[in-house]
Amino acid sequence: VLRDDFRQPPGDVVVAAGEPAVLECVPPRGHPEPSVSWKKNDAWLSDKDERLTIRAGKLMLASTRKSDAGTYVCVATNVVGERYSDPAELVVF
């Protein structure tokens, strides 16, 4: 089972360069519990970037750069399939 509605979809975030940014996402309920991953501008985010942490659905950027600005989507996945959240915009000034 994977429901359609995200319990908390990500919202737009505006942050100054060098500041941390957090995009929150609480995935839909599902059995088994869905895992959360993130896409930026339609590309999967790599956890190899040490500034990036994904924990409990939250995407945390330790120190934002201008290049981090873009459109982010939270993706909930389990054996049934995947659901995409509405996009959220990260603005870095």
Protein backbone atom coordinates (compact mmCIF):
# COMPACT_ATOMS: atom_id res chain seq x y z
CA VAL A 1 0.00 0.00 0.00
CA LEU A 2 1.21 3.51 -0.79
CA ARG A 3 -1.27 6.33 -0.31
CA ASP A 4 -1.34 9.34 -2.61
CA ASP A 5 -1.13 12.17 -0.11
CA PHE A 6 2.11 13.35 1.40
CA ARG A 7 1.65 13.98 5.12
CA GLN A 8 3.90 17.03 4.68
CA PRO A 9 5.03 18.02 1.20
CA PRO A 10 8.13 20.22 0.91
CA GLY A 11 7.60 23.97 0.84
CA ASP A 12 9.56 26.75 -0.82
CA VAL A 13 12.69 27.88 1.06
CA VAL A 14 14.58 31.15 0.72
CA VAL A 15 18.06 31.26 2.24
CA ALA A 16 21.24 33.36 2.10
CA ALA A 17 24.30 31.73 0.50
CA GLY A 18 26.40 30.02 3.18
CA GLU A 19 23.40 29.43 5.45
CA PRO A 20 21.95 25.97 6.05
CA ALA A 21 18.70 25.02 4.32
CA VAL A 22 16.17 22.35 5.28
CA LEU A 23 13.45 20.98 3.02
CA GLU A 24 10.93 18.94 4.99
CA CYS A 25 9.04 15.97 3.61
CA VAL A 26 6.80 13.51 5.39
CA PRO A 27 5.91 10.76 2.91
CA PRO A 28 2.49 9.20 2.50
CA ARG A 29 1.63 6.31 4.78
CA GLY A 30 2.47 2.94 3.29
CA HIS A 31 3.16 -0.72 3.96
CA PRO A 32 6.06 -1.23 4.00
CA GLU A 33 6.95 2.27 5.21
CA PRO A 34 8.22 4.19 2.15
CA SER A 35 11.78 5.42 1.92
CA VAL A 36 12.40 9.03 0.91
CA SER A 37 14.80 10.28 -1.73
CA TRP A 38 15.11 13.66 -3.43
CA LYS A 39 15.44 15.01 -6.95
CA LYS A 40 16.73 18.45 -7.91
CA ASN A 41 15.76 19.75 -11.34
CA ASP A 42 14.72 16.17 -12.30
CA ALA A 43 18.11 14.64 -11.34
CA TRP A 44 18.55 12.31 -8.36
CA LEU A 45 20.58 13.86 -5.55
CA SER A 46 23.71 11.96 -4.58
CA ASP A 47 24.48 11.28 -0.95
CA LYS A 48 28.15 11.51 -1.92
CA ASP A 49 27.91 15.29 -1.44
CA GLU A 50 29.13 15.75 2.13
CA ARG A 51 27.11 19.00 2.50
CA LEU A 52 23.94 16.99 1.96
CA THR A 53 22.07 14.93 4.55
CA ILE A 54 18.77 13.11 4.15
CA ARG A 55 17.34 12.07 7.50
CA ALA A 56 13.75 11.17 8.38
CA GLY A 57 12.64 12.59 5.04
CA LYS A 58 14.33 15.96 5.58
CA LEU A 59 16.85 17.20 3.06
CA MET A 60 19.48 19.26 4.86
CA LEU A 61 22.12 21.35 3.11
CA ALA A 62 24.89 22.34 5.50
CA SER A 63 26.09 25.41 3.63
CA THR A 64 24.08 26.53 0.62
CA ARG A 65 25.66 27.74 -2.60
CA LYS A 66 24.08 29.61 -5.49
CA SER A 67 24.28 26.34 -7.43
CA ASP A 68 21.92 24.68 -4.90
CA ALA A 69 19.05 26.87 -6.06
CA GLY A 70 16.44 24.99 -8.05
CA THR A 71 13.33 22.88 -7.95
CA TYR A 72 13.28 19.99 -5.48
CA VAL A 73 10.89 17.05 -5.38
CA CYS A 74 10.51 14.52 -2.57
CA VAL A 75 10.08 10.93 -3.79
CA ALA A 76 8.50 8.26 -1.57
CA THR A 77 9.24 4.69 -2.65
CA ASN A 78 8.23 1.23 -1.49
CA VAL A 79 7.61 -2.12 -3.19
CA VAL A 80 4.23 -0.91 -4.52
CA GLY A 81 5.68 2.05 -6.40
CA GLU A 82 6.67 5.65 -5.94
CA ARG A 83 4.97 8.97 -5.36
CA TYR A 84 6.34 12.40 -6.23
CA SER A 85 5.56 15.44 -4.10
CA ASP A 86 4.65 18.78 -5.62
CA PRO A 87 7.87 20.68 -6.41
CA ALA A 88 9.41 23.10 -3.92
CA GLU A 89 11.70 25.95 -4.89
CA LEU A 90 15.00 26.63 -3.11
CA VAL A 91 16.07 30.24 -3.62
CA VAL A 92 19.64 31.19 -2.65
CA PHE A 93 20.56 34.88 -2.55
